[in-house]
Amino acid sequence: MTARPAARPAAGRLAAAPGLEGLSLNTATTKRWTLPEAVDGCVRAGVPGIGLWRDRVAETGAAEAARLVREAGLTVTSLCRGGFLTAPDAAGRAAALEDNRRAVEEAATLGTDVLVLVCGGLPEGSRDLPGARRAVADALAELAPFAKEHGVRPAIEPLHPMFCADRAVVSTLGQALDLAEEVEARTGDDGVGVVVDTYHVWWDPQVEEQIARAAGRILAFQVCDWTLPLPADALLGRGHVGDGLIDIPRLAAAVAAAGYTGFTEVEIFNQEVWDTPGEQALRTLVERHRTHLARI
């Protein structure tokens, strides 16, 4: 694998530290940091990208958040998250679409064209998995034109099947691509894309085939590792790159081979990581990126 050439920062952009040209901190990783603290941490570490969660943006307001990252010279690599489109009734579906429209507007204000979508699980009391997936398709077909008007691309994130009931009825990259293609067929809009998150897709025997199929639709590449034993809250079973069982460099190479040239965004949900001082967590994140991913 060849080294990534050093990026030339655009005017007003933070010059990345050596080996960190493609690195982005997702604010979920340093959960206890406020947005100003996360921005300051990235600047001091030479990390040029930041993936924002809407809770952090809400603390300052989108306009102020945009000012903070712009003046720091950071690139906003994504906004997390929209989605949860599987409400069982018309009122719930309308409310979800309205929230997603607000998320689109926030993304545009922040200067990112990537809105990550976690599609939603089964409605309470329902066993109708095909129906829930149809609801997602219908909602995306309605949301996509609005997003396009604002220069934002919805990015469907498939989640590991253990989250199918409560978080995402879209469990594989293949299903996410099917949805994106269906929306294009229904609306003529080819802007809907996908997120490749190593934690959620590593187990799939078709993952490399589907990554190749996703060429042109990969809008975000998120990384963390699968560690054992899983905690009682499986959502928090993620570790730093290199701490677990996923061959993350292999997946990164597949994503690069599919033509993706964007950032590698580190998103870790882990109580121990969250309890670690933000500077230390970011230092580990940087070291692991240099060790495992900077040369891909």
Protein backbone atom coordinates (compact mmCIF):
# COMPACT_ATOMS: atom_id res chain seq x y z
CA MET A 1 0.00 0.00 0.00
CA THR A 2 1.33 3.43 -0.90
CA ALA A 3 1.50 6.41 1.38
CA ARG A 4 -1.24 8.99 1.17
CA PRO A 5 0.26 12.20 -0.26
CA ALA A 6 0.34 15.11 2.14
CA ALA A 7 -2.74 17.23 1.62
CA ARG A 8 -2.34 20.90 0.80
CA PRO A 9 -4.74 22.74 3.10
CA ALA A 10 -7.20 25.00 1.36
CA ALA A 11 -7.11 28.66 2.27
CA GLY A 12 -8.20 28.99 5.87
CA ARG A 13 -7.95 25.25 6.48
CA LEU A 14 -6.02 23.68 9.32
CA ALA A 15 -2.71 22.16 8.23
CA ALA A 16 -2.87 18.53 9.38
CA ALA A 17 -0.09 17.01 11.43
CA PRO A 18 2.03 14.51 9.45
CA GLY A 19 0.15 11.28 8.84
CA LEU A 20 -3.19 12.76 9.89
CA GLU A 21 -4.20 14.32 6.57
CA GLY A 22 -7.30 12.14 6.24
CA LEU A 23 -8.31 11.87 9.91
CA SER A 24 -11.54 13.13 11.47
CA LEU A 25 -12.70 13.03 15.08
CA ASN A 26 -16.35 12.16 15.51
CA THR A 27 -17.54 14.00 18.59
CA ALA A 28 -19.22 10.86 19.93
CA THR A 29 -15.71 9.55 20.70
CA THR A 30 -14.92 12.34 23.14
CA LYS A 31 -18.41 12.41 24.57
CA ARG A 32 -17.61 14.54 27.61
CA TRP A 33 -16.06 17.32 25.56
CA THR A 34 -18.18 20.30 24.61
CA LEU A 35 -18.03 21.38 21.00
CA PRO A 36 -15.49 24.15 21.72
CA GLU A 37 -13.34 21.63 23.60
CA ALA A 38 -13.52 19.15 20.73
CA VAL A 39 -12.63 21.84 18.21
CA ASP A 40 -9.70 22.98 20.34
CA GLY A 41 -8.53 19.39 20.79
CA CYS A 42 -8.50 18.81 17.03
CA VAL A 43 -6.56 22.00 16.40
CA ARG A 44 -3.92 21.20 19.03
CA ALA A 45 -3.53 17.62 17.75
CA GLY A 46 -3.44 18.60 14.07
CA VAL A 47 -6.56 16.59 13.26
CA PRO A 48 -8.15 18.41 10.29
CA GLY A 49 -11.63 16.88 10.29
CA ILE A 50 -14.50 16.77 12.74
CA GLY A 51 -17.75 14.81 12.56
CA LEU A 52 -20.48 16.52 14.53
CA TRP A 53 -23.39 15.11 16.48
CA ARG A 54 -26.53 17.20 16.63
CA ASP A 55 -26.58 17.26 20.44
CA ARG A 56 -23.25 19.07 20.46
CA VAL A 57 -24.42 21.43 17.72
CA ALA A 58 -27.61 22.17 19.67
CA GLU A 59 -25.60 23.33 22.68
CA THR A 60 -24.25 26.31 20.75
CA GLY A 61 -26.72 26.54 17.87
CA ALA A 62 -25.82 25.67 14.30
CA ALA A 63 -24.64 29.15 13.33
CA GLU A 64 -22.25 29.39 16.28
CA ALA A 65 -21.03 25.82 15.71
CA ALA A 66 -20.35 26.70 12.08
CA ARG A 67 -18.37 29.76 13.16
CA LEU A 68 -16.29 27.73 15.63
CA VAL A 69 -15.25 25.08 13.12
CA ARG A 70 -14.75 27.59 10.31
CA GLU A 71 -12.47 29.84 12.36
CA ALA A 72 -10.51 26.77 13.52
CA GLY A 73 -9.98 25.71 9.90
CA LEU A 74 -11.61 22.31 10.41
CA THR A 75 -13.56 20.37 7.81
CA VAL A 76 -16.96 19.12 9.00
CA THR A 77 -16.95 15.59 7.62
CA SER A 78 -20.52 14.66 8.57
CA LEU A 79 -23.49 15.52 10.72
CA CYS A 80 -24.95 12.73 12.86
CA ARG A 81 -27.74 12.00 12.74
CA GLY A 82 -31.02 11.99 10.93
CA GLY A 83 -33.27 9.04 10.30
CA PHE A 84 -35.63 7.09 12.57
CA LEU A 85 -38.15 6.98 9.77
CA THR A 86 -40.25 3.97 10.80
CA ALA A 87 -42.98 5.54 12.93
CA PRO A 88 -46.21 3.48 12.81
CA ASP A 89 -48.62 6.35 12.10
CA ALA A 90 -48.89 9.33 9.80
CA ALA A 91 -48.30 11.88 12.56
CA GLY A 92 -45.11 10.14 13.66
CA ARG A 93 -43.84 9.86 10.11
CA ALA A 94 -44.55 13.56 9.48
CA ALA A 95 -42.72 14.52 12.68
CA ALA A 96 -39.72 12.40 11.70
CA LEU A 97 -39.55 13.99 8.25
CA GLU A 98 -39.74 17.46 9.76
CA ASP A 99 -36.86 16.63 12.11
CA ASN A 100 -34.84 15.31 9.19
CA ARG A 101 -35.49 18.50 7.23
CA ARG A 102 -34.13 20.45 10.19
CA ALA A 103 -31.08 18.18 10.20
CA VAL A 104 -30.55 18.88 6.49
CA GLU A 105 -30.67 22.61 7.19
CA GLU A 106 -28.20 22.21 10.06
CA ALA A 107 -25.81 20.27 7.82
CA ALA A 108 -25.96 22.99 5.19
CA THR A 109 -25.29 25.67 7.82
CA LEU A 110 -22.32 23.69 9.13
CA GLY A 111 -20.84 23.35 5.67
CA THR A 112 -21.07 19.59 5.29
CA ASP A 113 -22.91 17.80 2.52
CA VAL A 114 -23.16 14.52 4.50
CA LEU A 115 -26.11 13.81 6.79
CA VAL A 116 -25.78 10.37 8.38
CA LEU A 117 -29.09 8.51 8.64
CA VAL A 118 -29.84 5.75 11.14
CA CYS A 119 -33.05 4.56 9.60
CA GLY A 120 -34.97 3.36 12.67
CA GLY A 121 -36.06 0.01 14.07
CA LEU A 122 -39.35 -1.81 14.21
CA PRO A 123 -42.26 0.29 15.45
CA GLU A 124 -43.30 -0.63 18.97
CA GLY A 125 -45.38 -3.82 18.95
CA SER A 126 -44.68 -4.53 15.28
CA ARG A 127 -43.14 -7.61 13.68
CA ASP A 128 -43.55 -6.25 10.15
CA LEU A 129 -39.93 -5.90 9.09
CA PRO A 130 -40.70 -5.54 5.34
CA GLY A 131 -43.25 -2.85 6.18
CA ALA A 132 -40.71 -0.92 8.23
CA ARG A 133 -38.24 -1.06 5.35
CA ARG A 134 -40.91 0.21 2.96
CA ALA A 135 -41.52 3.13 5.32
CA VAL A 136 -37.84 3.99 5.16
CA ALA A 137 -37.88 3.93 1.36
CA ASP A 138 -40.97 6.15 1.22
CA ALA A 139 -39.49 8.66 3.65
CA LEU A 140 -36.17 8.81 1.81
CA ALA A 141 -37.97 9.44 -1.47
CA GLU A 142 -39.68 12.40 0.15
CA LEU A 143 -36.56 13.71 1.91
CA ALA A 144 -34.08 13.41 -0.96
CA PRO A 145 -35.35 16.33 -3.10
CA PHE A 146 -35.34 18.66 -0.07
CA ALA A 147 -31.79 17.60 0.77
CA LYS A 148 -30.66 18.18 -2.80
CA GLU A 149 -32.05 21.72 -2.73
CA HIS A 150 -29.77 22.39 0.24
CA GLY A 151 -26.68 20.72 -1.21
CA VAL A 152 -26.83 17.86 1.30
CA ARG A 153 -26.64 14.12 0.59
CA PRO A 154 -28.44 11.69 2.92
CA ALA A 155 -26.05 8.88 3.87
CA ILE A 156 -27.75 5.63 4.90
CA GLU A 157 -25.83 3.84 7.63
CA PRO A 158 -26.50 0.12 7.87
CA LEU A 159 -26.20 -1.12 11.44
CA HIS A 160 -25.17 -4.54 12.71
CA PRO A 161 -28.19 -6.90 12.75
CA MET A 162 -28.29 -6.92 16.56
CA PHE A 163 -29.69 -3.38 16.28
CA CYS A 164 -32.40 -4.28 13.77
CA ALA A 165 -35.27 -4.22 16.26
CA ASP A 166 -34.59 -0.88 17.91
CA ARG A 167 -32.29 1.20 15.72
CA ALA A 168 -31.97 0.21 12.08
CA VAL A 169 -33.98 -2.15 9.92
CA VAL A 170 -31.21 -1.66 7.35
CA SER A 171 -28.58 -4.19 8.38
CA THR A 172 -26.25 -4.63 5.41
CA LEU A 173 -24.45 -2.41 2.97
CA GLY A 174 -26.29 -4.23 0.20
CA GLN A 175 -29.66 -3.25 1.68
CA ALA A 176 -28.51 0.36 2.02
CA LEU A 177 -27.45 0.44 -1.62
CA ASP A 178 -30.75 -1.11 -2.68
CA LEU A 179 -32.54 1.72 -0.89
CA ALA A 180 -30.36 4.38 -2.49
CA GLU A 181 -30.98 2.91 -5.92
CA GLU A 182 -34.72 2.69 -5.28
CA VAL A 183 -34.84 6.35 -4.31
CA GLU A 184 -33.00 7.25 -7.51
CA ALA A 185 -35.44 5.18 -9.56
CA ARG A 186 -38.43 6.86 -7.91
CA THR A 187 -37.18 10.44 -7.86
CA GLY A 188 -34.38 10.70 -10.40
CA ASP A 189 -32.11 11.89 -7.59
CA ASP A 190 -28.82 10.02 -7.33
CA GLY A 191 -27.68 11.94 -4.25
CA VAL A 192 -28.54 9.36 -1.60
CA GLY A 193 -25.44 7.47 -0.51
CA VAL A 194 -24.15 5.20 2.23
CA VAL A 195 -21.91 5.13 5.26
CA VAL A 196 -19.36 2.34 5.61
CA ASP A 197 -18.82 1.85 9.35
CA THR A 198 -16.36 -0.94 10.14
CA TYR A 199 -18.16 -1.86 13.36
CA HIS A 200 -21.39 -2.56 11.53
CA VAL A 201 -20.25 -4.20 8.28
CA TRP A 202 -17.13 -6.22 9.08
CA TRP A 203 -19.02 -9.47 9.65
CA ASP A 204 -20.81 -9.46 6.26
CA PRO A 205 -19.40 -12.10 3.86
CA GLN A 206 -20.35 -9.79 0.96
CA VAL A 207 -18.83 -6.65 2.41
CA GLU A 208 -16.00 -6.22 -0.08
CA GLU A 209 -18.28 -6.95 -3.01
CA GLN A 210 -20.78 -4.38 -1.73
CA ILE A 211 -18.08 -1.79 -1.06
CA ALA A 212 -17.02 -2.13 -4.70
CA ARG A 213 -20.66 -1.79 -5.75
CA ALA A 214 -20.92 1.37 -3.64
CA ALA A 215 -18.42 3.28 -5.78
CA GLY A 216 -19.69 6.84 -6.07
CA ARG A 217 -22.12 6.44 -3.17
CA ILE A 218 -19.72 6.15 -0.21
CA LEU A 219 -20.24 9.43 1.61
CA ALA A 220 -18.56 8.59 4.91
CA PHE A 221 -16.09 6.02 6.22
CA GLN A 222 -16.27 5.50 9.97
CA VAL A 223 -13.94 3.28 11.95
CA CYS A 224 -13.72 1.62 15.33
CA ASP A 225 -13.03 -1.95 16.44
CA TRP A 226 -15.16 -4.85 17.70
CA THR A 227 -14.03 -5.79 21.18
CA LEU A 228 -14.97 -8.70 23.43
CA PRO A 229 -16.62 -9.37 25.73
CA LEU A 230 -19.58 -7.29 24.64
CA PRO A 231 -20.89 -5.05 27.43
CA ALA A 232 -24.44 -5.31 28.75
CA ASP A 233 -25.28 -2.36 26.51
CA ALA A 234 -24.06 -3.70 23.17
CA LEU A 235 -24.09 -0.19 21.73
CA LEU A 236 -20.99 0.53 23.81
CA GLY A 237 -18.93 -2.42 22.57
CA ARG A 238 -16.61 -0.42 20.33
CA GLY A 239 -12.89 0.03 20.80
CA HIS A 240 -9.98 1.95 19.37
CA VAL A 241 -8.64 0.74 16.05
CA GLY A 242 -6.37 -2.22 16.73
CA ASP A 243 -7.99 -3.24 20.01
CA GLY A 244 -10.39 -5.79 18.56
CA LEU A 245 -11.18 -8.33 15.87
CA ILE A 246 -11.82 -6.28 12.73
CA ASP A 247 -9.28 -6.15 9.90
CA ILE A 248 -9.81 -2.42 9.54
CA PRO A 249 -6.89 -1.80 7.14
CA ARG A 250 -8.40 -4.34 4.73
CA LEU A 251 -11.75 -2.56 4.76
CA ALA A 252 -10.04 0.83 4.41
CA ALA A 253 -8.17 -0.45 1.37
CA ALA A 254 -11.44 -1.71 -0.15
CA VAL A 255 -13.08 1.66 0.40
CA ALA A 256 -10.12 3.43 -1.20
CA ALA A 257 -10.22 1.02 -4.15
CA ALA A 258 -13.88 1.97 -4.64
CA GLY A 259 -12.77 5.54 -5.22
CA TYR A 260 -13.47 7.07 -1.82
CA THR A 261 -11.06 9.92 -1.13
CA GLY A 262 -12.72 11.46 1.91
CA PHE A 263 -11.85 11.42 5.57
CA THR A 264 -11.59 8.48 7.93
CA GLU A 265 -13.89 9.39 10.82
CA VAL A 266 -13.27 7.70 14.17
CA GLU A 267 -16.54 7.10 16.03
CA ILE A 268 -16.30 5.13 19.28
CA PHE A 269 -19.10 4.36 21.73
CA ASN A 270 -17.40 2.95 24.80
CA GLN A 271 -17.86 3.93 28.43
CA GLU A 272 -14.18 3.44 29.27
CA VAL A 273 -13.16 5.66 26.35
CA TRP A 274 -15.74 8.24 27.39
CA ASP A 275 -14.40 8.20 30.96
CA THR A 276 -10.86 8.81 29.69
CA PRO A 277 -9.77 12.46 29.55
CA GLY A 278 -10.43 13.80 26.07
CA GLU A 279 -6.77 14.64 25.42
CA GLN A 280 -5.74 11.07 26.19
CA ALA A 281 -8.51 9.53 24.07
CA LEU A 282 -7.56 11.76 21.15
CA ARG A 283 -3.88 10.94 21.58
CA THR A 284 -4.67 7.21 21.38
CA LEU A 285 -6.89 7.78 18.35
CA VAL A 286 -4.07 9.64 16.58
CA GLU A 287 -1.48 6.97 17.41
CA ARG A 288 -3.74 4.19 16.12
CA HIS A 289 -4.47 6.07 12.91
CA ARG A 290 -0.77 6.53 12.23
CA THR A 291 -0.06 2.88 13.02
CA HIS A 292 -2.90 1.21 11.13
CA LEU A 293 -4.39 3.56 8.54
CA ALA A 294 -2.21 6.54 7.60
CA ARG A 295 -0.50 4.63 4.77
CA ILE A 296 -3.65 3.30 3.09
